[in-house]
Amino acid sequence: MHYQSVLFDLDGTLTDPREGITRSIQFALGKLGIDEPDLTRLEHFIGPPLLQAFMQFYAFDEARAWEAVNFYRERFKVTGLYENRVFDGVMPLLETLGNQGRQLYIATSKPWVFAREIARHFDFARHFKVIYGSELDGTRTDKVELIAHLLEQERLDPATTLMIGDRKHDLIGARRNGLDAAAVGYGFGSREELIAEAPAYHFETLAELHQAFLGH
């Protein structure tokens, strides 16, 4: 793995945010008069930009979807942020990459203000040069735009940069910007979703991903 710079998605790649996101979606829907007692039915909200997800999954128009996003954030920023856990194996992987002299970044469609607080709280911010995310107004929630912005700001060479993620948005964002992508199978994207995007690498587990960087 020759890549000098490595971009990581956050949700489903570095952390399991299932509880915080689904409970905050449930809260937002409840505020809009929609009762969804089954949190597992809300897991497809993990990964894609929230505004579009509300429009897609509940047929909200944009104004109502923004209402839902704002209700979501009301709970997420005080409680949901912390209903999260770092996947086992992430910390040793980040230590390895840092020791190898690679530059690490986070590229998430989550607002950067939330992403940075999660990284601080769970003590992995120190491994990353910069944590990139969207703006609260929805700017750069699209992974294609976000990765393009990151590459430009950091003056990275796409040929020596790898994007690692668990959903198709990560893989599409990488491909459209000329980056190789590594799909991980332990997050929230189905095997079919990931294989359909033909990533350069596909790792079922964090251990496999780590081994690839060790050159074994």
Protein backbone atom coordinates (compact mmCIF):
# COMPACT_ATOMS: atom_id res chain seq x y z
CA MET A 1 0.00 0.00 0.00
CA HIS A 2 2.05 2.90 -1.37
CA TYR A 3 -0.37 5.69 -0.44
CA GLN A 4 1.15 8.69 1.30
CA SER A 5 -2.23 10.16 2.29
CA VAL A 6 -5.22 8.20 3.58
CA LEU A 7 -8.75 9.58 3.87
CA PHE A 8 -11.16 7.87 6.24
CA ASP A 9 -14.91 8.05 6.31
CA LEU A 10 -16.16 8.38 9.91
CA ASP A 11 -19.52 6.64 10.48
CA GLY A 12 -19.29 2.90 9.87
CA THR A 13 -15.56 3.07 9.13
CA LEU A 14 -13.91 4.43 12.27
CA THR A 15 -16.88 4.31 14.66
CA ASP A 16 -20.20 2.53 15.11
CA PRO A 17 -22.66 5.44 15.52
CA ARG A 18 -25.74 3.24 15.22
CA GLU A 19 -27.38 4.11 18.54
CA GLY A 20 -26.85 7.86 18.43
CA ILE A 21 -27.93 8.32 14.82
CA THR A 22 -30.99 6.05 14.89
CA ARG A 23 -32.26 7.45 18.21
CA SER A 24 -31.83 11.00 16.89
CA ILE A 25 -33.67 10.11 13.65
CA GLN A 26 -36.43 8.53 15.77
CA PHE A 27 -36.62 11.74 17.84
CA ALA A 28 -36.86 13.91 14.70
CA LEU A 29 -39.59 11.75 13.16
CA GLY A 30 -41.52 11.83 16.44
CA LYS A 31 -41.43 15.64 16.38
CA LEU A 32 -43.02 15.45 12.93
CA GLY A 33 -45.74 13.04 14.08
CA ILE A 34 -44.17 9.86 12.71
CA ASP A 35 -43.77 7.00 15.17
CA GLU A 36 -40.98 4.51 14.37
CA PRO A 37 -40.37 2.19 17.32
CA ASP A 38 -37.95 -0.11 15.46
CA LEU A 39 -34.48 1.49 15.42
CA THR A 40 -33.11 -1.12 13.01
CA ARG A 41 -35.44 0.30 10.35
CA LEU A 42 -33.56 3.58 10.59
CA GLU A 43 -30.06 2.21 10.01
CA HIS A 44 -30.13 3.13 6.32
CA PHE A 45 -29.78 6.75 7.48
CA ILE A 46 -26.18 5.99 8.49
CA GLY A 47 -23.82 7.21 5.78
CA PRO A 48 -25.78 9.23 3.23
CA PRO A 49 -26.37 12.98 3.67
CA LEU A 50 -29.30 13.38 6.08
CA LEU A 51 -31.31 15.93 4.10
CA GLN A 52 -31.42 13.70 1.03
CA ALA A 53 -32.10 10.64 3.18
CA PHE A 54 -35.20 12.21 4.75
CA MET A 55 -36.42 13.18 1.26
CA GLN A 56 -35.73 9.71 -0.13
CA PHE A 57 -36.99 7.50 2.69
CA TYR A 58 -39.98 9.59 3.84
CA ALA A 59 -40.81 11.52 0.66
CA PHE A 60 -40.37 14.84 2.48
CA ASP A 61 -40.06 17.99 0.42
CA GLU A 62 -36.91 20.01 1.09
CA ALA A 63 -38.50 22.33 3.65
CA ARG A 64 -39.86 19.45 5.72
CA ALA A 65 -36.57 17.56 5.37
CA TRP A 66 -34.73 20.57 6.80
CA GLU A 67 -37.19 20.60 9.70
CA ALA A 68 -36.33 16.95 10.32
CA VAL A 69 -32.58 17.64 10.11
CA ASN A 70 -32.88 20.46 12.65
CA PHE A 71 -34.88 18.27 15.07
CA TYR A 72 -32.26 15.53 14.57
CA ARG A 73 -29.44 17.94 15.44
CA GLU A 74 -31.33 19.15 18.52
CA ARG A 75 -30.85 15.72 20.08
CA PHE A 76 -27.68 14.63 18.30
CA LYS A 77 -25.48 17.54 19.37
CA VAL A 78 -26.13 17.01 23.09
CA THR A 79 -26.72 13.24 23.35
CA GLY A 80 -26.40 11.33 20.07
CA LEU A 81 -22.79 12.41 19.47
CA TYR A 82 -21.69 10.39 22.46
CA GLU A 83 -23.86 7.30 21.78
CA ASN A 84 -21.05 5.95 19.66
CA ARG A 85 -18.08 3.61 19.92
CA VAL A 86 -14.76 3.25 18.14
CA PHE A 87 -14.52 -0.07 16.30
CA ASP A 88 -12.10 -2.56 17.86
CA GLY A 89 -8.84 -2.38 15.94
CA VAL A 90 -9.14 1.23 14.78
CA MET A 91 -6.66 2.66 17.29
CA PRO A 92 -3.87 0.15 16.47
CA LEU A 93 -4.46 0.77 12.74
CA LEU A 94 -4.15 4.54 13.16
CA GLU A 95 -0.99 4.07 15.26
CA THR A 96 0.52 1.91 12.50
CA LEU A 97 -0.29 4.40 9.75
CA GLY A 98 1.10 7.27 11.78
CA ASN A 99 4.30 5.36 12.53
CA GLN A 100 4.66 4.67 8.80
CA GLY A 101 4.69 8.43 8.20
CA ARG A 102 1.41 8.60 6.30
CA GLN A 103 -0.83 11.67 6.52
CA LEU A 104 -4.34 10.87 7.71
CA TYR A 105 -7.54 12.82 7.16
CA ILE A 106 -11.23 12.30 7.90
CA ALA A 107 -13.69 12.98 5.06
CA THR A 108 -17.26 12.72 6.34
CA SER A 109 -20.58 14.11 5.14
CA LYS A 110 -21.37 14.73 8.83
CA PRO A 111 -20.91 18.42 9.77
CA TRP A 112 -17.27 18.97 10.68
CA VAL A 113 -18.26 20.58 13.98
CA PHE A 114 -19.82 17.25 15.08
CA ALA A 115 -17.06 15.11 13.55
CA ARG A 116 -14.33 17.01 15.39
CA GLU A 117 -16.14 16.73 18.71
CA ILE A 118 -16.57 12.95 18.23
CA ALA A 119 -12.88 12.58 17.39
CA ARG A 120 -11.91 14.67 20.42
CA HIS A 121 -14.25 12.87 22.80
CA PHE A 122 -13.20 9.37 21.70
CA ASP A 123 -9.52 10.40 21.59
CA PHE A 124 -8.58 9.74 17.97
CA ALA A 125 -8.37 13.35 16.74
CA ARG A 126 -4.60 13.33 17.41
CA HIS A 127 -4.05 10.83 14.59
CA PHE A 128 -5.51 13.12 11.90
CA LYS A 129 -3.93 16.14 10.25
CA VAL A 130 -7.35 17.68 9.50
CA ILE A 131 -10.95 16.49 9.92
CA TYR A 132 -13.09 17.55 6.97
CA GLY A 133 -16.88 17.48 7.00
CA SER A 134 -19.86 19.37 5.66
CA GLU A 135 -21.15 22.76 6.76
CA LEU A 136 -24.35 23.01 8.82
CA ASP A 137 -26.13 24.57 5.82
CA GLY A 138 -25.58 21.39 3.78
CA THR A 139 -22.56 22.57 1.80
CA ARG A 140 -20.23 19.69 0.90
CA THR A 141 -22.45 16.88 2.19
CA ASP A 142 -21.83 15.31 -1.23
CA LYS A 143 -18.72 13.13 -0.97
CA VAL A 144 -17.58 14.06 -4.49
CA GLU A 145 -17.51 17.76 -3.54
CA LEU A 146 -16.08 17.08 -0.09
CA ILE A 147 -13.14 15.02 -1.38
CA ALA A 148 -12.46 17.55 -4.17
CA HIS A 149 -12.37 20.31 -1.52
CA LEU A 150 -10.03 18.29 0.72
CA LEU A 151 -7.62 17.50 -2.14
CA GLU A 152 -7.52 21.15 -3.15
CA GLN A 153 -7.04 22.50 0.38
CA GLU A 154 -4.33 19.99 1.26
CA ARG A 155 -2.72 19.96 -2.20
CA LEU A 156 -2.80 16.17 -2.29
CA ASP A 157 -1.89 14.06 -5.30
CA PRO A 158 -4.82 11.74 -6.14
CA ALA A 159 -2.35 9.09 -7.33
CA THR A 160 -0.87 8.73 -3.83
CA THR A 161 -4.13 9.14 -1.87
CA LEU A 162 -6.53 6.39 -0.77
CA MET A 163 -10.15 6.76 0.41
CA ILE A 164 -11.46 4.19 2.90
CA GLY A 165 -15.20 3.88 3.50
CA ASP A 166 -18.17 1.59 4.07
CA ARG A 167 -20.81 3.06 1.72
CA LYS A 168 -21.07 3.64 -2.02
CA HIS A 169 -20.89 7.43 -1.48
CA ASP A 170 -17.27 7.03 -0.33
CA LEU A 171 -16.32 4.92 -3.34
CA ILE A 172 -18.09 7.18 -5.86
CA GLY A 173 -16.50 10.24 -4.27
CA ALA A 174 -13.06 8.68 -4.60
CA ARG A 175 -13.51 7.52 -8.18
CA ARG A 176 -14.86 10.86 -9.40
CA ASN A 177 -11.78 12.54 -7.95
CA GLY A 178 -9.27 10.06 -9.39
CA LEU A 179 -8.50 8.28 -6.10
CA ASP A 180 -8.26 4.58 -5.39
CA ALA A 181 -10.82 3.40 -2.84
CA ALA A 182 -10.88 0.66 -0.24
CA ALA A 183 -14.31 -0.64 0.76
CA VAL A 184 -14.73 -2.09 4.24
CA GLY A 185 -17.30 -4.78 4.89
CA TYR A 186 -17.82 -4.29 8.64
CA GLY A 187 -19.80 -1.03 8.32
CA PHE A 188 -23.27 -0.27 7.01
CA GLY A 189 -22.98 -0.81 3.26
CA SER A 190 -24.07 -4.19 1.90
CA ARG A 191 -21.59 -6.33 -0.01
CA GLU A 192 -23.69 -5.80 -3.16
CA GLU A 193 -23.63 -2.01 -2.73
CA LEU A 194 -19.85 -1.96 -2.37
CA ILE A 195 -18.95 -4.47 -5.09
CA ALA A 196 -21.16 -2.59 -7.57
CA GLU A 197 -18.77 0.37 -7.34
CA ALA A 198 -15.70 -1.80 -8.15
CA PRO A 199 -13.32 -0.41 -5.52
CA ALA A 200 -9.58 -1.07 -5.87
CA TYR A 201 -9.68 -3.00 -2.57
CA HIS A 202 -12.36 -4.73 -0.50
CA PHE A 203 -11.62 -5.69 3.09
CA GLU A 204 -14.21 -7.61 5.09
CA THR A 205 -12.60 -6.85 8.45
CA LEU A 206 -10.47 -4.22 10.14
CA ALA A 207 -7.81 -6.88 10.67
CA GLU A 208 -7.58 -7.45 6.89
CA LEU A 209 -7.30 -3.70 6.31
CA HIS A 210 -4.53 -3.44 8.90
CA GLN A 211 -2.63 -6.39 7.41
CA ALA A 212 -2.72 -4.76 3.96
CA PHE A 213 -0.90 -1.73 5.34
CA LEU A 214 1.64 -3.96 7.06
CA GLY A 215 2.39 -5.52 3.69
CA HIS A 216 1.57 -9.09 4.75
